[in-house]
Amino acid sequence: MGGMKNAPVLLAALLSLFSAASAEPAPQVLKWGNLTVTVTPRPAENFEAEARAVVKNGTRTVLTVKGWNVAAELQPLRPGGLPELVLSTYSGGAHCCVTYYAFTQDTGSVDNLAIIEGGNYGVRFMDLNGDGTKELLFASDTLAYYDWSFATSPALLTVLGWDGVRLADRTRAYAYVPAQEAARNLRDLLNGLGSLSAEELRARLGGYYANMILAGQGTQAEQVLRAQVFTKSAPLRDWFRQHRTGLINATYAQPEGRVQAVNSPTYPLPSPQEGQ
């Protein structure tokens, strides 16, 4: 009988646990100067719904950003004033895609500094020169699927930073960033000449050459390949001769081709087809 008397209490406890487990994630609130940023997560288990970030000045909505997932953070991307608001959205699904929306208040209103397509790798914010503002380091997947599978695709390391007017390609100012990635690719290429598959070797060669181009050392890279790689592998030599121009074109297609600045009350921007 004692167990029966406790049944309502146990039932209430179970219902409480169930309610807590199924409760929707709470909105996250971030203060940005006099503005309030509220990020409302996508409802749990509803994969068709969207998360959203709403920036308000009092009761007035300044801008809205939507996505499968949305996150908000403050990062100092330009000197002086308040840190910039960075809203990132993830589209969901395999191999894709993170988009970053950076906004500033330093102009007297909320202005979009950049819309950055972060691709599969996303962005890291790092103060590379110690001046108190952050550079944006991202690994481009421009060479994904070039002549290899996604799993073996090399990453091209690039840097965006404030150039006094806008967020621009600053990779050459930090040439050591792609140069270090190039050195890693070259090491893997040389160590794998007798063990890696032809596809993996091509990917490492492409990653080495492309990152060296971004570091401003494309000519030196070709000299190293001739002296250390092509003397040991005729197939890689022939492949490089066939694909040299394609690798160069793919390398120079970024990073600024993935950055734009567009003021809008809502993001993402409509596609050209939607705007017609």
Protein backbone atom coordinates (compact mmCIF):
# COMPACT_ATOMS: atom_id res chain seq x y z
CA MET A 1 0.00 0.00 0.00
CA GLY A 2 2.89 2.34 0.73
CA GLY A 3 3.96 2.08 -2.90
CA MET A 4 0.45 3.02 -4.06
CA LYS A 5 0.46 6.08 -1.79
CA ASN A 6 3.73 7.24 -3.38
CA ALA A 7 2.49 6.69 -6.95
CA PRO A 8 1.27 10.29 -7.50
CA VAL A 9 4.58 11.64 -6.25
CA LEU A 10 6.55 9.32 -8.56
CA LEU A 11 4.31 10.20 -11.49
CA ALA A 12 4.80 13.91 -10.88
CA ALA A 13 8.57 13.42 -10.71
CA LEU A 14 8.58 11.46 -13.98
CA LEU A 15 6.45 14.08 -15.70
CA SER A 16 8.81 16.78 -14.45
CA LEU A 17 11.84 14.94 -15.83
CA PHE A 18 10.09 14.39 -19.16
CA SER A 19 9.13 18.04 -19.40
CA ALA A 20 12.69 19.15 -18.64
CA ALA A 21 14.11 16.77 -21.25
CA SER A 22 11.69 17.92 -23.92
CA ALA A 23 11.85 21.65 -23.12
CA GLU A 24 12.92 23.89 -25.95
CA PRO A 25 16.38 25.49 -25.67
CA ALA A 26 16.20 28.89 -24.04
CA PRO A 27 17.00 31.99 -26.12
CA GLN A 28 20.46 33.48 -25.59
CA VAL A 29 20.74 37.21 -24.98
CA LEU A 30 23.85 39.26 -25.74
CA LYS A 31 24.29 42.98 -25.03
CA TRP A 32 26.02 44.93 -27.80
CA GLY A 33 26.39 48.50 -26.63
CA ASN A 34 22.84 49.86 -26.35
CA LEU A 35 21.51 47.06 -28.54
CA THR A 36 20.23 43.63 -27.54
CA VAL A 37 20.94 40.49 -29.55
CA THR A 38 18.58 37.59 -28.94
CA VAL A 39 19.38 34.21 -30.47
CA THR A 40 16.44 31.82 -30.53
CA PRO A 41 17.55 28.23 -31.25
CA ARG A 42 15.78 26.00 -33.72
CA PRO A 43 13.03 24.02 -31.95
CA ALA A 44 14.33 20.62 -30.88
CA GLU A 45 13.59 17.76 -33.29
CA ASN A 46 12.10 20.15 -35.86
CA PHE A 47 14.59 19.96 -38.69
CA GLU A 48 12.44 22.09 -40.99
CA ALA A 49 12.46 25.07 -38.62
CA GLU A 50 15.11 27.78 -38.40
CA ALA A 51 17.02 29.47 -35.64
CA ARG A 52 17.18 33.24 -35.68
CA ALA A 53 19.10 36.16 -34.22
CA VAL A 54 17.25 39.43 -33.75
CA VAL A 55 19.07 42.69 -32.99
CA LYS A 56 16.91 45.33 -31.34
CA ASN A 57 17.25 48.92 -30.22
CA GLY A 58 14.63 48.97 -27.50
CA THR A 59 11.52 47.60 -29.19
CA ARG A 60 12.69 48.41 -32.73
CA THR A 61 14.15 45.54 -34.73
CA VAL A 62 17.39 46.56 -36.42
CA LEU A 63 18.19 43.33 -38.25
CA THR A 64 17.40 39.64 -38.32
CA VAL A 65 19.59 36.69 -39.31
CA LYS A 66 18.15 33.21 -39.84
CA GLY A 67 19.72 29.80 -40.33
CA TRP A 68 19.53 26.14 -39.37
CA ASN A 69 21.72 27.08 -36.43
CA VAL A 70 22.72 30.61 -35.42
CA ALA A 71 25.42 31.75 -32.98
CA ALA A 72 26.45 35.23 -31.82
CA GLU A 73 29.77 36.56 -30.54
CA LEU A 74 31.62 39.87 -30.23
CA GLN A 75 35.00 40.20 -31.93
CA PRO A 76 37.18 43.33 -32.39
CA LEU A 77 37.60 43.34 -36.18
CA ARG A 78 38.40 47.03 -36.69
CA PRO A 79 40.19 49.50 -34.39
CA GLY A 80 38.33 51.71 -31.95
CA GLY A 81 34.75 51.73 -30.79
CA LEU A 82 32.79 48.64 -29.82
CA PRO A 83 33.76 45.11 -30.77
CA GLU A 84 31.98 43.93 -33.88
CA LEU A 85 28.98 41.61 -33.77
CA VAL A 86 29.54 38.34 -35.62
CA LEU A 87 26.53 36.14 -36.32
CA SER A 88 27.32 32.74 -37.79
CA THR A 89 24.85 30.39 -39.42
CA TYR A 90 25.21 26.73 -40.24
CA SER A 91 23.14 25.36 -43.09
CA GLY A 92 23.01 21.77 -41.82
CA GLY A 93 24.01 18.68 -43.78
CA ALA A 94 27.33 17.08 -44.60
CA HIS A 95 30.27 19.12 -45.90
CA CYS A 96 28.45 22.43 -45.61
CA CYS A 97 28.33 25.32 -44.82
CA VAL A 98 29.07 28.12 -42.34
CA THR A 99 28.32 31.74 -43.19
CA TYR A 100 29.49 34.67 -41.07
CA TYR A 101 27.79 38.07 -40.89
CA ALA A 102 29.95 40.80 -39.32
CA PHE A 103 28.41 44.12 -38.22
CA THR A 104 29.83 47.31 -36.73
CA GLN A 105 28.31 50.24 -34.81
CA ASP A 106 31.38 52.44 -35.19
CA THR A 107 29.89 54.24 -38.22
CA GLY A 108 27.02 55.60 -36.13
CA SER A 109 24.53 53.00 -37.30
CA VAL A 110 24.58 49.22 -37.64
CA ASP A 111 26.44 48.46 -40.87
CA ASN A 112 27.44 45.17 -42.42
CA LEU A 113 31.21 44.81 -42.63
CA ALA A 114 31.21 41.49 -44.40
CA ILE A 115 29.30 38.38 -45.34
CA ILE A 116 31.87 35.60 -45.37
CA GLU A 117 31.29 32.16 -46.81
CA GLY A 118 33.27 30.02 -44.39
CA GLY A 119 32.59 26.79 -46.28
CA ASN A 120 33.27 23.51 -44.53
CA TYR A 121 36.01 24.72 -42.21
CA GLY A 122 34.62 27.87 -40.65
CA VAL A 123 36.68 30.81 -39.37
CA ARG A 124 39.11 31.32 -36.49
CA PHE A 125 39.51 34.80 -35.01
CA MET A 126 43.13 35.50 -34.06
CA ASP A 127 45.13 38.66 -33.33
CA LEU A 128 48.09 37.82 -35.54
CA ASN A 129 49.97 41.12 -35.19
CA GLY A 130 49.15 42.02 -31.58
CA ASP A 131 47.35 45.29 -32.37
CA GLY A 132 44.18 44.40 -30.43
CA THR A 133 42.03 43.64 -33.47
CA LYS A 134 41.38 40.15 -34.78
CA GLU A 135 42.30 38.74 -38.15
CA LEU A 136 40.09 36.03 -39.67
CA LEU A 137 41.90 32.83 -40.49
CA PHE A 138 40.02 30.37 -42.62
CA ALA A 139 40.85 27.24 -44.55
CA SER A 140 39.37 27.45 -48.02
CA ASP A 141 38.09 24.32 -49.70
CA THR A 142 38.62 25.77 -53.18
CA LEU A 143 40.47 22.59 -54.14
CA ALA A 144 37.86 20.22 -52.73
CA TYR A 145 37.12 17.48 -55.28
CA TYR A 146 39.67 19.01 -57.69
CA ASP A 147 41.15 15.67 -58.75
CA TRP A 148 40.57 13.73 -55.56
CA SER A 149 37.86 12.84 -53.06
CA PHE A 150 36.67 15.27 -50.40
CA ALA A 151 38.35 13.20 -47.69
CA THR A 152 41.79 13.81 -49.21
CA SER A 153 41.19 17.41 -50.32
CA PRO A 154 43.81 19.91 -49.12
CA ALA A 155 42.93 23.14 -47.32
CA LEU A 156 44.22 26.54 -48.43
CA LEU A 157 44.95 28.81 -45.47
CA THR A 158 44.04 32.45 -45.99
CA VAL A 159 43.76 35.58 -43.83
CA LEU A 160 41.25 38.40 -43.89
CA GLY A 161 41.88 41.55 -41.89
CA TRP A 162 41.08 45.23 -41.58
CA ASP A 163 43.00 47.27 -44.16
CA GLY A 164 41.82 50.68 -42.92
CA VAL A 165 38.66 50.66 -45.02
CA ARG A 166 37.26 47.15 -45.07
CA LEU A 167 37.91 43.51 -44.36
CA ALA A 168 40.22 42.46 -47.18
CA ASP A 169 42.61 39.71 -48.20
CA ARG A 170 45.67 40.07 -45.97
CA THR A 171 47.22 36.68 -46.62
CA ARG A 172 50.47 38.09 -48.04
CA ALA A 173 50.97 40.13 -44.85
CA TYR A 174 50.91 36.86 -42.91
CA ALA A 175 52.60 34.66 -45.48
CA TYR A 176 53.83 32.29 -42.78
CA VAL A 177 50.25 31.05 -42.30
CA PRO A 178 49.89 29.35 -45.73
CA ALA A 179 53.63 28.63 -45.77
CA GLN A 180 53.30 26.48 -42.64
CA GLU A 181 50.43 24.54 -44.20
CA ALA A 182 52.49 24.14 -47.38
CA ALA A 183 55.39 22.72 -45.36
CA ARG A 184 53.06 20.17 -43.77
CA ASN A 185 51.76 19.11 -47.19
CA LEU A 186 55.29 18.80 -48.57
CA ARG A 187 56.39 16.70 -45.61
CA ASP A 188 53.44 14.35 -46.06
CA LEU A 189 54.10 14.20 -49.81
CA LEU A 190 57.77 13.30 -49.44
CA ASN A 191 57.15 10.80 -46.64
CA GLY A 192 54.33 9.18 -48.60
CA LEU A 193 56.01 8.72 -51.97
CA GLY A 194 56.37 5.01 -51.34
CA SER A 195 53.21 4.39 -49.36
CA LEU A 196 50.34 6.80 -50.14
CA SER A 197 47.89 6.25 -52.97
CA ALA A 198 48.21 8.22 -56.20
CA GLU A 199 45.15 10.26 -55.23
CA GLU A 200 46.58 11.18 -51.83
CA LEU A 201 49.90 12.16 -53.40
CA ARG A 202 48.18 14.42 -55.94
CA ALA A 203 46.20 16.09 -53.14
CA ARG A 204 49.31 16.72 -51.05
CA LEU A 205 51.12 18.11 -54.09
CA GLY A 206 48.19 20.38 -54.91
CA GLY A 207 47.95 21.57 -51.31
CA TYR A 208 51.67 22.33 -51.18
CA TYR A 209 51.72 24.26 -54.45
CA ALA A 210 48.53 26.26 -53.79
CA ASN A 211 49.53 27.28 -50.26
CA MET A 212 52.96 28.33 -51.51
CA ILE A 213 51.28 30.51 -54.15
CA LEU A 214 49.24 32.18 -51.41
CA ALA A 215 52.47 32.75 -49.48
CA GLY A 216 53.98 34.44 -52.54
CA GLN A 217 56.42 31.59 -53.13
CA GLY A 218 55.01 29.80 -56.17
CA THR A 219 58.31 29.91 -58.09
CA GLN A 220 60.22 28.45 -55.15
CA ALA A 221 57.59 25.72 -54.85
CA GLU A 222 58.09 24.66 -58.46
CA GLN A 223 61.86 24.48 -57.90
CA VAL A 224 61.35 22.26 -54.84
CA LEU A 225 58.95 19.99 -56.71
CA ARG A 226 61.39 19.55 -59.59
CA ALA A 227 64.32 18.81 -57.28
CA GLN A 228 62.68 16.69 -54.58
CA VAL A 229 59.52 15.14 -56.05
CA PHE A 230 59.55 14.88 -59.83
CA THR A 231 62.95 13.18 -59.88
CA LYS A 232 61.31 10.39 -57.85
CA SER A 233 57.87 10.28 -59.49
CA ALA A 234 57.29 10.71 -63.21
CA PRO A 235 53.48 10.32 -62.83
CA LEU A 236 53.36 13.29 -60.44
CA ARG A 237 55.55 15.31 -62.79
CA ASP A 238 53.22 14.62 -65.71
CA TRP A 239 50.13 15.32 -63.61
CA PHE A 240 51.52 18.66 -62.48
CA ARG A 241 52.32 19.70 -66.04
CA GLN A 242 48.73 18.98 -67.03
CA HIS A 243 47.13 20.71 -64.03
CA ARG A 244 49.49 23.58 -63.23
CA THR A 245 47.27 26.27 -64.79
CA GLY A 246 44.12 24.83 -63.22
CA LEU A 247 45.72 24.85 -59.77
CA ILE A 248 46.80 28.47 -60.18
CA ASN A 249 43.35 29.59 -61.32
CA ALA A 250 41.64 27.76 -58.45
CA THR A 251 44.06 29.25 -55.92
CA TYR A 252 43.58 32.83 -57.03
CA ALA A 253 39.80 32.43 -57.01
CA GLN A 254 39.82 33.16 -53.29
CA PRO A 255 39.62 34.43 -50.59
CA GLU A 256 37.99 37.75 -51.51
CA GLY A 257 35.62 36.05 -53.91
CA ARG A 258 33.89 34.66 -50.82
CA VAL A 259 33.42 38.03 -49.09
CA GLN A 260 30.89 40.78 -49.72
CA ALA A 261 29.41 43.64 -47.70
CA VAL A 262 25.69 44.28 -48.14
CA ASN A 263 23.40 46.21 -45.80
CA SER A 264 20.02 44.58 -45.38
CA PRO A 265 17.43 44.30 -42.60
CA THR A 266 17.34 40.52 -43.05
CA TYR A 267 19.87 37.82 -43.84
CA PRO A 268 20.59 35.59 -45.67
CA LEU A 269 20.19 37.73 -48.74
CA PRO A 270 17.69 36.45 -51.31
CA SER A 271 19.16 34.51 -54.20
CA PRO A 272 19.07 36.17 -57.65
CA GLN A 273 16.18 33.87 -58.60
CA GLU A 274 14.22 34.93 -55.50
CA GLY A 275 14.82 38.58 -56.27
CA GLN A 276 13.28 38.34 -59.74
